[in-house]
C-alpha atoms as a PDB file:
ATOM      1  CA  MET A   1       0.000   0.000   0.000  1.00  0.00           C
ATOM      2  CA  SER A   2       1.401   3.389  -0.998  1.00  0.00           C
ATOM      3  CA  ARG A   3       1.625   6.245   1.464  1.00  0.00           C
ATOM      4  CA  ILE A   4      -1.155   8.045  -0.469  1.00  0.00           C
ATOM      5  CA  GLU A   5      -3.428   5.013  -0.443  1.00  0.00           C
ATOM      6  CA  GLY A   6      -2.762   4.490   3.262  1.00  0.00           C
ATOM      7  CA  VAL A   7      -3.655   8.074   4.204  1.00  0.00           C
ATOM      8  CA  LEU A   8      -6.832   8.093   2.109  1.00  0.00           C
ATOM      9  CA  LYS A   9      -7.900   4.707   3.461  1.00  0.00           C
ATOM     10  CA  THR A  10      -7.356   5.887   7.054  1.00  0.00           C
ATOM     11  CA  LEU A  11      -9.334   9.077   6.442  1.00  0.00           C
ATOM     12  CA  LYS A  12     -12.196   7.129   4.887  1.00  0.00           C
ATOM     13  CA  GLY A  13     -12.291   4.832   7.893  1.00  0.00           C
ATOM     14  CA  GLN A  14     -12.536   7.910  10.125  1.00  0.00           C
ATOM     15  CA  GLY A  15     -15.288   9.432   8.010  1.00  0.00           C
ATOM     16  CA  ARG A  16     -13.021  12.362   7.121  1.00  0.00           C
ATOM     17  CA  LYS A  17     -12.053  14.052   3.871  1.00  0.00           C
ATOM     18  CA  ALA A  18      -8.551  14.775   2.598  1.00  0.00           C
ATOM     19  CA  LEU A  19      -7.197  18.309   2.516  1.00  0.00           C
ATOM     20  CA  ILE A  20      -4.637  18.577  -0.292  1.00  0.00           C
ATOM     21  CA  PRO A  21      -2.935  21.974  -0.625  1.00  0.00           C
ATOM     22  CA  TYR A  22      -0.756  22.947  -3.585  1.00  0.00           C
ATOM     23  CA  ILE A  23       2.218  25.296  -3.579  1.00  0.00           C
ATOM     24  CA  THR A  24       4.884  25.922  -6.217  1.00  0.00           C
ATOM     25  CA  ALA A  25       8.354  24.787  -5.195  1.00  0.00           C
ATOM     26  CA  GLY A  26      10.821  27.674  -5.072  1.00  0.00           C
ATOM     27  CA  ASP A  27       8.123  30.310  -4.532  1.00  0.00           C
ATOM     28  CA  PRO A  28       8.762  32.852  -3.115  1.00  0.00           C
ATOM     29  CA  HIS A  29      12.318  31.498  -2.689  1.00  0.00           C
ATOM     30  CA  PRO A  30      13.809  27.986  -2.731  1.00  0.00           C
ATOM     31  CA  ASP A  31      15.067  28.382   0.842  1.00  0.00           C
ATOM     32  CA  VAL A  32      11.503  28.804   2.106  1.00  0.00           C
ATOM     33  CA  THR A  33       9.704  25.899   0.415  1.00  0.00           C
ATOM     34  CA  VAL A  34      10.445  23.128   2.927  1.00  0.00           C
ATOM     35  CA  ASP A  35       9.402  25.358   5.807  1.00  0.00           C
ATOM     36  CA  LEU A  36       6.139  26.132   4.006  1.00  0.00           C
ATOM     37  CA  MET A  37       5.510  22.418   3.454  1.00  0.00           C
ATOM     38  CA  HIS A  38       5.779  21.812   7.195  1.00  0.00           C
ATOM     39  CA  THR A  39       3.479  24.795   7.771  1.00  0.00           C
ATOM     40  CA  LEU A  40       0.847  23.219   5.520  1.00  0.00           C
ATOM     41  CA  VAL A  41       0.999  19.993   7.543  1.00  0.00           C
ATOM     42  CA  GLU A  42       0.673  21.921  10.802  1.00  0.00           C
ATOM     43  CA  ALA A  43      -2.423  23.612   9.375  1.00  0.00           C
ATOM     44  CA  GLY A  44      -4.063  20.281   8.590  1.00  0.00           C
ATOM     45  CA  ALA A  45      -2.805  19.079   5.199  1.00  0.00           C
ATOM     46  CA  ASP A  46      -3.156  15.338   4.571  1.00  0.00           C
ATOM     47  CA  ILE A  47      -1.285  15.284   1.256  1.00  0.00           C
ATOM     48  CA  ILE A  48       0.882  17.990  -0.318  1.00  0.00           C
ATOM     49  CA  GLU A  49       0.920  18.723  -4.032  1.00  0.00           C
ATOM     50  CA  LEU A  50       4.238  20.387  -4.810  1.00  0.00           C
ATOM     51  CA  GLY A  51       4.401  22.176  -8.124  1.00  0.00           C
ATOM     52  CA  VAL A  52       7.510  21.847 -10.278  1.00  0.00           C
ATOM     53  CA  PRO A  53       8.048  25.304 -11.822  1.00  0.00           C
ATOM     54  CA  PHE A  54       7.913  25.365 -15.603  1.00  0.00           C
ATOM     55  CA  SER A  55       8.315  28.166 -18.142  1.00  0.00           C
ATOM     56  CA  ASP A  56       5.077  27.382 -20.017  1.00  0.00           C
ATOM     57  CA  PRO A  57       2.442  26.236 -17.509  1.00  0.00           C
ATOM     58  CA  MET A  58      -0.412  26.145 -20.030  1.00  0.00           C
ATOM     59  CA  ALA A  59      -3.004  24.653 -17.657  1.00  0.00           C
ATOM     60  CA  ASP A  60      -2.478  27.374 -15.059  1.00  0.00           C
ATOM     61  CA  GLY A  61      -3.871  30.863 -14.715  1.00  0.00           C
ATOM     62  CA  PRO A  62      -1.959  34.057 -13.913  1.00  0.00           C
ATOM     63  CA  VAL A  63      -1.531  33.340 -10.184  1.00  0.00           C
ATOM     64  CA  ILE A  64       0.402  30.101 -10.636  1.00  0.00           C
ATOM     65  CA  GLN A  65       2.114  31.374 -13.795  1.00  0.00           C
ATOM     66  CA  LEU A  66       3.600  34.192 -11.711  1.00  0.00           C
ATOM     67  CA  ALA A  67       4.602  31.707  -9.004  1.00  0.00           C
ATOM     68  CA  CYS A  68       6.526  29.728 -11.635  1.00  0.00           C
ATOM     69  CA  GLU A  69       8.204  32.934 -12.785  1.00  0.00           C
ATOM     70  CA  ARG A  70       9.268  33.781  -9.228  1.00  0.00           C
ATOM     71  CA  ALA A  71      10.629  30.278  -8.683  1.00  0.00           C
ATOM     72  CA  LEU A  72      12.469  30.172 -12.003  1.00  0.00           C
ATOM     73  CA  LYS A  73      13.944  33.605 -11.340  1.00  0.00           C
ATOM     74  CA  HIS A  74      15.780  31.948  -8.445  1.00  0.00           C
ATOM     75  CA  GLY A  75      16.877  29.072 -10.672  1.00  0.00           C
ATOM     76  CA  THR A  76      14.608  26.413  -9.150  1.00  0.00           C
ATOM     77  CA  SER A  77      15.183  23.183 -11.074  1.00  0.00           C
ATOM     78  CA  LEU A  78      13.581  19.746 -10.953  1.00  0.00           C
ATOM     79  CA  ARG A  79      16.628  18.380  -9.125  1.00  0.00           C
ATOM     80  CA  GLN A  80      16.292  21.148  -6.546  1.00  0.00           C
ATOM     81  CA  VAL A  81      12.610  20.300  -6.082  1.00  0.00           C
ATOM     82  CA  LEU A  82      13.551  16.688  -5.398  1.00  0.00           C
ATOM     83  CA  ALA A  83      16.162  17.891  -2.914  1.00  0.00           C
ATOM     84  CA  MET A  84      13.441  19.888  -1.151  1.00  0.00           C
ATOM     85  CA  VAL A  85      11.297  16.775  -0.780  1.00  0.00           C
ATOM     86  CA  LYS A  86      14.300  14.876   0.568  1.00  0.00           C
ATOM     87  CA  GLU A  87      14.898  17.606   3.149  1.00  0.00           C
ATOM     88  CA  PHE A  88      11.192  17.580   4.067  1.00  0.00           C
ATOM     89  CA  ARG A  89      11.459  13.835   4.688  1.00  0.00           C
ATOM     90  CA  THR A  90      14.112  14.334   7.378  1.00  0.00           C
ATOM     91  CA  LYS A  91      11.330  15.598   9.657  1.00  0.00           C
ATOM     92  CA  ASP A  92       8.163  14.170   8.103  1.00  0.00           C
ATOM     93  CA  ILE A  93       7.982  10.578   6.905  1.00  0.00           C
ATOM     94  CA  GLU A  94       4.186  10.349   6.978  1.00  0.00           C
ATOM     95  CA  THR A  95       2.697  13.088   4.791  1.00  0.00           C
ATOM     96  CA  PRO A  96       2.469  12.019   1.137  1.00  0.00           C
ATOM     97  CA  VAL A  97       4.005  14.357  -1.433  1.00  0.00           C
ATOM     98  CA  VAL A  98       2.768  14.520  -5.018  1.00  0.00           C
ATOM     99  CA  LEU A  99       4.870  16.317  -7.619  1.00  0.00           C
ATOM    100  CA  MET A 100       2.626  18.234 -10.004  1.00  0.00           C
ATOM    101  CA  GLY A 101       4.011  19.672 -13.176  1.00  0.00           C
ATOM    102  CA  TYR A 102       4.717  19.262 -16.864  1.00  0.00           C
ATOM    103  CA  LEU A 103       6.494  16.616 -18.884  1.00  0.00           C
ATOM    104  CA  ASN A 104       9.403  18.606 -20.290  1.00  0.00           C
ATOM    105  CA  PRO A 105      11.580  18.801 -17.132  1.00  0.00           C
ATOM    106  CA  MET A 106      11.163  15.049 -16.570  1.00  0.00           C
ATOM    107  CA  GLU A 107      12.007  14.288 -20.193  1.00  0.00           C
ATOM    108  CA  ALA A 108      15.081  16.518 -20.010  1.00  0.00           C
ATOM    109  CA  MET A 109      16.273  14.736 -16.884  1.00  0.00           C
ATOM    110  CA  GLY A 110      15.496  11.303 -18.339  1.00  0.00           C
ATOM    111  CA  TYR A 111      12.415   9.361 -17.287  1.00  0.00           C
ATOM    112  CA  GLU A 112      14.238   6.541 -15.534  1.00  0.00           C
ATOM    113  CA  ALA A 113      16.673   8.889 -13.797  1.00  0.00           C
ATOM    114  CA  PHE A 114      13.746  11.023 -12.670  1.00  0.00           C
ATOM    115  CA  ALA A 115      11.773   8.046 -11.353  1.00  0.00           C
ATOM    116  CA  ASP A 116      14.782   6.769  -9.395  1.00  0.00           C
ATOM    117  CA  ALA A 117      15.504  10.228  -7.970  1.00  0.00           C
ATOM    118  CA  ALA A 118      11.852  10.719  -7.018  1.00  0.00           C
ATOM    119  CA  VAL A 119      11.814   7.481  -5.038  1.00  0.00           C
ATOM    120  CA  ASP A 120      15.118   8.338  -3.376  1.00  0.00           C
ATOM    121  CA  ALA A 121      13.760  11.752  -2.362  1.00  0.00           C
ATOM    122  CA  GLY A 122      10.591  10.324  -0.838  1.00  0.00           C
ATOM    123  CA  VAL A 123       8.061  11.377  -3.480  1.00  0.00           C
ATOM    124  CA  ASP A 124       4.813   9.383  -3.438  1.00  0.00           C
ATOM    125  CA  GLY A 125       2.970  10.377  -6.586  1.00  0.00           C
ATOM    126  CA  ILE A 126       3.398  12.135  -9.917  1.00  0.00           C
ATOM    127  CA  LEU A 127       0.770  14.267 -11.652  1.00  0.00           C
ATOM    128  CA  THR A 128       1.935  15.333 -15.094  1.00  0.00           C
ATOM    129  CA  VAL A 129      -0.578  17.822 -16.459  1.00  0.00           C
ATOM    130  CA  ASP A 130       0.293  17.443 -20.148  1.00  0.00           C
ATOM    131  CA  LEU A 131       0.751  13.660 -20.189  1.00  0.00           C
ATOM    132  CA  PRO A 132      -2.439  11.777 -21.133  1.00  0.00           C
ATOM    133  CA  PRO A 133      -2.408   8.074 -20.238  1.00  0.00           C
ATOM    134  CA  GLU A 134      -2.507   7.129 -23.928  1.00  0.00           C
ATOM    135  CA  GLU A 135       0.947   8.684 -24.308  1.00  0.00           C
ATOM    136  CA  ALA A 136       2.407   7.446 -21.020  1.00  0.00           C
ATOM    137  CA  ASP A 137       3.762   4.087 -22.197  1.00  0.00           C
ATOM    138  CA  ASP A 138       7.380   5.205 -21.759  1.00  0.00           C
ATOM    139  CA  VAL A 139       6.769   6.677 -18.318  1.00  0.00           C
ATOM    140  CA  ALA A 140       3.952   4.879 -16.487  1.00  0.00           C
ATOM    141  CA  PRO A 141       5.714   1.483 -16.219  1.00  0.00           C
ATOM    142  CA  LEU A 142       8.700   3.181 -14.566  1.00  0.00           C
ATOM    143  CA  PHE A 143       6.386   4.683 -11.942  1.00  0.00           C
ATOM    144  CA  THR A 144       4.544   1.396 -11.405  1.00  0.00           C
ATOM    145  CA  GLU A 145       7.778  -0.548 -10.931  1.00  0.00           C
ATOM    146  CA  ARG A 146       8.876   1.920  -8.263  1.00  0.00           C
ATOM    147  CA  LYS A 147       5.460   2.128  -6.563  1.00  0.00           C
ATOM    148  CA  LEU A 148       5.030   5.794  -7.462  1.00  0.00           C
ATOM    149  CA  ASP A 149       1.346   6.638  -7.819  1.00  0.00           C
ATOM    150  CA  ALA A 150       0.449   8.000 -11.247  1.00  0.00           C
ATOM    151  CA  ILE A 151      -2.313  10.578 -10.868  1.00  0.00           C
ATOM    152  CA  PHE A 152      -4.286  11.799 -13.863  1.00  0.00           C
ATOM    153  CA  LEU A 153      -6.814  14.571 -14.457  1.00  0.00           C
ATOM    154  CA  LEU A 154     -10.509  14.204 -15.219  1.00  0.00           C
ATOM    155  CA  ALA A 155     -12.477  17.121 -16.665  1.00  0.00           C
ATOM    156  CA  PRO A 156     -16.191  17.970 -16.815  1.00  0.00           C
ATOM    157  CA  THR A 157     -16.072  16.961 -20.489  1.00  0.00           C
ATOM    158  CA  THR A 158     -14.388  13.578 -19.934  1.00  0.00           C
ATOM    159  CA  THR A 159     -16.496  10.743 -21.367  1.00  0.00           C
ATOM    160  CA  ASP A 160     -17.408   7.597 -19.448  1.00  0.00           C
ATOM    161  CA  GLU A 161     -15.181   5.483 -21.691  1.00  0.00           C
ATOM    162  CA  ARG A 162     -12.260   7.768 -21.054  1.00  0.00           C
ATOM    163  CA  ILE A 163     -12.911   7.933 -17.290  1.00  0.00           C
ATOM    164  CA  ARG A 164     -12.637   4.144 -17.195  1.00  0.00           C
ATOM    165  CA  ALA A 165      -9.480   4.172 -19.302  1.00  0.00           C
ATOM    166  CA  ILE A 166      -7.822   6.885 -17.215  1.00  0.00           C
ATOM    167  CA  SER A 167      -8.755   5.081 -13.989  1.00  0.00           C
ATOM    168  CA  GLU A 168      -7.090   1.908 -15.239  1.00  0.00           C
ATOM    169  CA  HIS A 169      -3.817   3.820 -15.576  1.00  0.00           C
ATOM    170  CA  SER A 170      -4.215   5.739 -12.302  1.00  0.00           C
ATOM    171  CA  SER A 171      -3.375   4.983  -8.706  1.00  0.00           C
ATOM    172  CA  GLY A 172      -3.646   6.902  -5.437  1.00  0.00           C
ATOM    173  CA  TYR A 173      -6.526   9.120  -6.523  1.00  0.00           C
ATOM    174  CA  VAL A 174      -7.905  10.843  -9.581  1.00  0.00           C
ATOM    175  CA  TYR A 175      -7.982  14.638  -9.787  1.00  0.00           C
ATOM    176  CA  TYR A 176     -11.296  16.041 -10.980  1.00  0.00           C
ATOM    177  CA  VAL A 177     -11.005  19.532 -12.441  1.00  0.00           C
ATOM    178  CA  SER A 178     -14.226  21.220 -11.320  1.00  0.00           C
ATOM    179  CA  PHE A 179     -14.690  23.526 -14.309  1.00  0.00           C
ATOM    180  CA  LYS A 180     -13.433  24.101 -17.835  1.00  0.00           C
ATOM    181  CA  GLY A 181     -10.505  26.522 -17.859  1.00  0.00           C
ATOM    182  CA  VAL A 182      -7.195  27.200 -16.172  1.00  0.00           C
ATOM    183  CA  THR A 183      -6.399  27.301 -12.463  1.00  0.00           C
ATOM    184  CA  GLY A 184      -7.875  30.229 -10.558  1.00  0.00           C
ATOM    185  CA  ALA A 185     -10.062  31.301 -13.470  1.00  0.00           C
ATOM    186  CA  GLY A 186     -13.584  30.343 -12.444  1.00  0.00           C
ATOM    187  CA  LYS A 187     -16.201  29.901  -9.779  1.00  0.00           C
ATOM    188  CA  ILE A 188     -17.116  26.407  -8.686  1.00  0.00           C
ATOM    189  CA  ASN A 189     -20.664  25.072  -9.151  1.00  0.00           C
ATOM    190  CA  VAL A 190     -21.021  22.604  -6.290  1.00  0.00           C
ATOM    191  CA  GLU A 191     -24.237  21.032  -7.605  1.00  0.00           C
ATOM    192  CA  GLU A 192     -22.587  20.230 -10.927  1.00  0.00           C
ATOM    193  CA  VAL A 193     -19.502  18.893  -9.131  1.00  0.00           C
ATOM    194  CA  ALA A 194     -21.660  16.694  -6.889  1.00  0.00           C
ATOM    195  CA  THR A 195     -23.441  15.166  -9.872  1.00  0.00           C
ATOM    196  CA  LYS A 196     -20.215  14.554 -11.778  1.00  0.00           C
ATOM    197  CA  VAL A 197     -18.281  13.131  -8.825  1.00  0.00           C
ATOM    198  CA  ALA A 198     -21.132  10.755  -7.970  1.00  0.00           C
ATOM    199  CA  HIS A 199     -21.032   9.550 -11.563  1.00  0.00           C
ATOM    200  CA  ILE A 200     -17.237   9.163 -11.509  1.00  0.00           C
ATOM    201  CA  HIS A 201     -17.548   7.041  -8.365  1.00  0.00           C
ATOM    202  CA  GLN A 202     -19.766   4.665 -10.343  1.00  0.00           C
ATOM    203  CA  LEU A 203     -16.970   4.210 -12.874  1.00  0.00           C
ATOM    204  CA  THR A 204     -13.894   3.907 -10.643  1.00  0.00           C
ATOM    205  CA  ALA A 205     -13.019   2.628  -7.188  1.00  0.00           C
ATOM    206  CA  LEU A 206     -10.289   5.243  -6.791  1.00  0.00           C
ATOM    207  CA  PRO A 207     -10.810   8.202  -4.438  1.00  0.00           C
ATOM    208  CA  VAL A 208     -11.753  11.425  -6.208  1.00  0.00           C
ATOM    209  CA  GLY A 209     -10.077  14.689  -5.246  1.00  0.00           C
ATOM    210  CA  VAL A 210     -11.618  17.909  -6.566  1.00  0.00           C
ATOM    211  CA  GLY A 211      -9.558  20.962  -7.472  1.00  0.00           C
ATOM    212  CA  PHE A 212     -10.014  24.387  -9.103  1.00  0.00           C
ATOM    213  CA  GLY A 213     -12.250  26.984  -7.454  1.00  0.00           C
ATOM    214  CA  ILE A 214     -11.815  26.131  -3.758  1.00  0.00           C
ATOM    215  CA  ARG A 215     -11.070  29.428  -2.059  1.00  0.00           C
ATOM    216  CA  ASP A 216     -12.326  29.273   1.539  1.00  0.00           C
ATOM    217  CA  ALA A 217     -13.756  27.055   4.273  1.00  0.00           C
ATOM    218  CA  LYS A 218     -17.279  27.295   2.850  1.00  0.00           C
ATOM    219  CA  THR A 219     -16.367  26.013  -0.599  1.00  0.00           C
ATOM    220  CA  ALA A 220     -14.012  23.409   0.910  1.00  0.00           C
ATOM    221  CA  ALA A 221     -16.844  22.018   3.022  1.00  0.00           C
ATOM    222  CA  ALA A 222     -19.295  22.026   0.130  1.00  0.00           C
ATOM    223  CA  VAL A 223     -16.877  20.155  -2.127  1.00  0.00           C
ATOM    224  CA  GLY A 224     -15.748  17.852   0.694  1.00  0.00           C
ATOM    225  CA  GLN A 225     -19.368  16.835   1.199  1.00  0.00           C
ATOM    226  CA  VAL A 226     -19.463  15.293  -2.287  1.00  0.00           C
ATOM    227  CA  SER A 227     -15.854  14.130  -2.817  1.00  0.00           C
ATOM    228  CA  ASP A 228     -13.038  12.245  -1.107  1.00  0.00           C
ATOM    229  CA  GLY A 229     -10.795  15.280  -0.854  1.00  0.00           C
ATOM    230  CA  VAL A 230     -10.372  18.932  -1.756  1.00  0.00           C
ATOM    231  CA  ILE A 231      -7.351  20.317  -3.590  1.00  0.00           C
ATOM    232  CA  VAL A 232      -6.530  23.945  -2.828  1.00  0.00           C
ATOM    233  CA  GLY A 233      -4.075  25.810  -5.018  1.00  0.00           C
ATOM    234  CA  SER A 234      -4.426  29.311  -6.423  1.00  0.00           C
ATOM    235  CA  VAL A 235      -5.715  30.945  -3.241  1.00  0.00           C
ATOM    236  CA  LEU A 236      -2.670  29.646  -1.341  1.00  0.00           C
ATOM    237  CA  VAL A 237      -0.273  30.711  -4.074  1.00  0.00           C
ATOM    238  CA  ASP A 238      -1.865  34.158  -4.133  1.00  0.00           C
ATOM    239  CA  THR A 239      -1.386  34.354  -0.358  1.00  0.00           C
ATOM    240  CA  ILE A 240       2.291  33.550  -0.867  1.00  0.00           C
ATOM    241  CA  ALA A 241       2.588  36.316  -3.455  1.00  0.00           C
ATOM    242  CA  ARG A 242       1.007  38.882  -1.136  1.00  0.00           C
ATOM    243  CA  ASN A 243       3.186  37.961   1.856  1.00  0.00           C
ATOM    244  CA  GLN A 244       6.470  37.026   0.179  1.00  0.00           C
ATOM    245  CA  ALA A 245       8.479  39.758   1.890  1.00  0.00           C
ATOM    246  CA  ASP A 246       7.927  38.362   5.411  1.00  0.00           C
ATOM    247  CA  THR A 247       8.276  34.599   5.916  1.00  0.00           C
ATOM    248  CA  ASP A 248       6.787  34.572   9.411  1.00  0.00           C
ATOM    249  CA  GLU A 249       3.749  36.556   8.255  1.00  0.00           C
ATOM    250  CA  LEU A 250       3.484  34.283   5.221  1.00  0.00           C
ATOM    251  CA  LYS A 251       3.339  31.183   7.395  1.00  0.00           C
ATOM    252  CA  ARG A 252       0.686  32.783   9.618  1.00  0.00           C
ATOM    253  CA  ALA A 253      -1.360  33.760   6.573  1.00  0.00           C
ATOM    254  CA  LEU A 254      -1.225  30.225   5.145  1.00  0.00           C
ATOM    255  CA  LYS A 255      -2.337  28.756   8.469  1.00  0.00           C
ATOM    256  CA  ASP A 256      -5.136  31.328   8.765  1.00  0.00           C
ATOM    257  CA  LEU A 257      -6.406  30.264   5.358  1.00  0.00           C
ATOM    258  CA  LEU A 258      -5.906  26.508   5.533  1.00  0.00           C
ATOM    259  CA  HIS A 259      -6.841  25.712   9.137  1.00  0.00           C
ATOM    260  CA  PRO A 260     -10.477  26.856   8.777  1.00  0.00           C
ATOM    261  CA  MET A 261     -10.755  24.564   5.760  1.00  0.00           C
ATOM    262  CA  ARG A 262      -9.496  21.685   7.883  1.00  0.00           C
ATOM    263  CA  GLU A 263     -12.062  22.492  10.575  1.00  0.00           C
ATOM    264  CA  ALA A 264     -14.833  22.794   8.013  1.00  0.00           C
ATOM    265  CA  LEU A 265     -14.007  19.411   6.498  1.00  0.00           C
ATOM    266  CA  ASP A 266     -13.819  17.786   9.923  1.00  0.00           C
ATOM    267  CA  SER A 267     -17.233  19.200  10.834  1.00  0.00           C
ATOM    268  CA  LEU A 268     -18.914  17.315   7.994  1.00  0.00           C
ATOM    269  CA  ASP A 269     -21.173  14.427   8.873  1.00  0.00           C
ATOM    270  CA  SER A 270     -19.425  11.132   8.139  1.00  0.00           C
END
């Protein structure tokens, strides 16, 4: 059982929902990232999605695009991101870490070299935004052999046939994108999400995490009511941007945002 599967299984047994925050590695500075990861755990994170900065993040809106620019300005590389995870593991061996990013940095590093380095660093899952499962034949087996969970995206437009196909290639959880568009660009319709997630659950046994559009405790609770976990990204990254000059204030601001979401999720009826 992977670390991701173990956490999600434990939460399900407790009648609780997963809180999965996203931050971009190297933003606002590479020296701060590991500290921010620990801050997220202290605020109630069950799994961390750590973004690998990329020059052309086509699935992301302006907030995360700017985070990638800030990280790249400081020279944050894929190898440095893996080193951050390895440092995080010196104090936390329980919280799963998912690397979320784009294919190019992995291809440049070499798929096998990347997979080996990810395992050595303590990474648990890989979500490659621009890698559909149909084109993952060179990569997915390397992850499977090393027990790295391969996490894929589902969209509101994804057909039943494709949901089944994606689920067959996935492990850990599937990431349902709550609306059509880029990160941070829209407002979530909880009724539509509830209907779609219920349908996805009929087609796969994997847990379903929902991302895009979760901005506060109210929306986290509403989405948590109908899913297995909530994925929070742009609002956290925007908080980092607004508080980047003061690390202590930044950590307080992240806790002030994330902890109420944790409380709201834990207040849901099991």
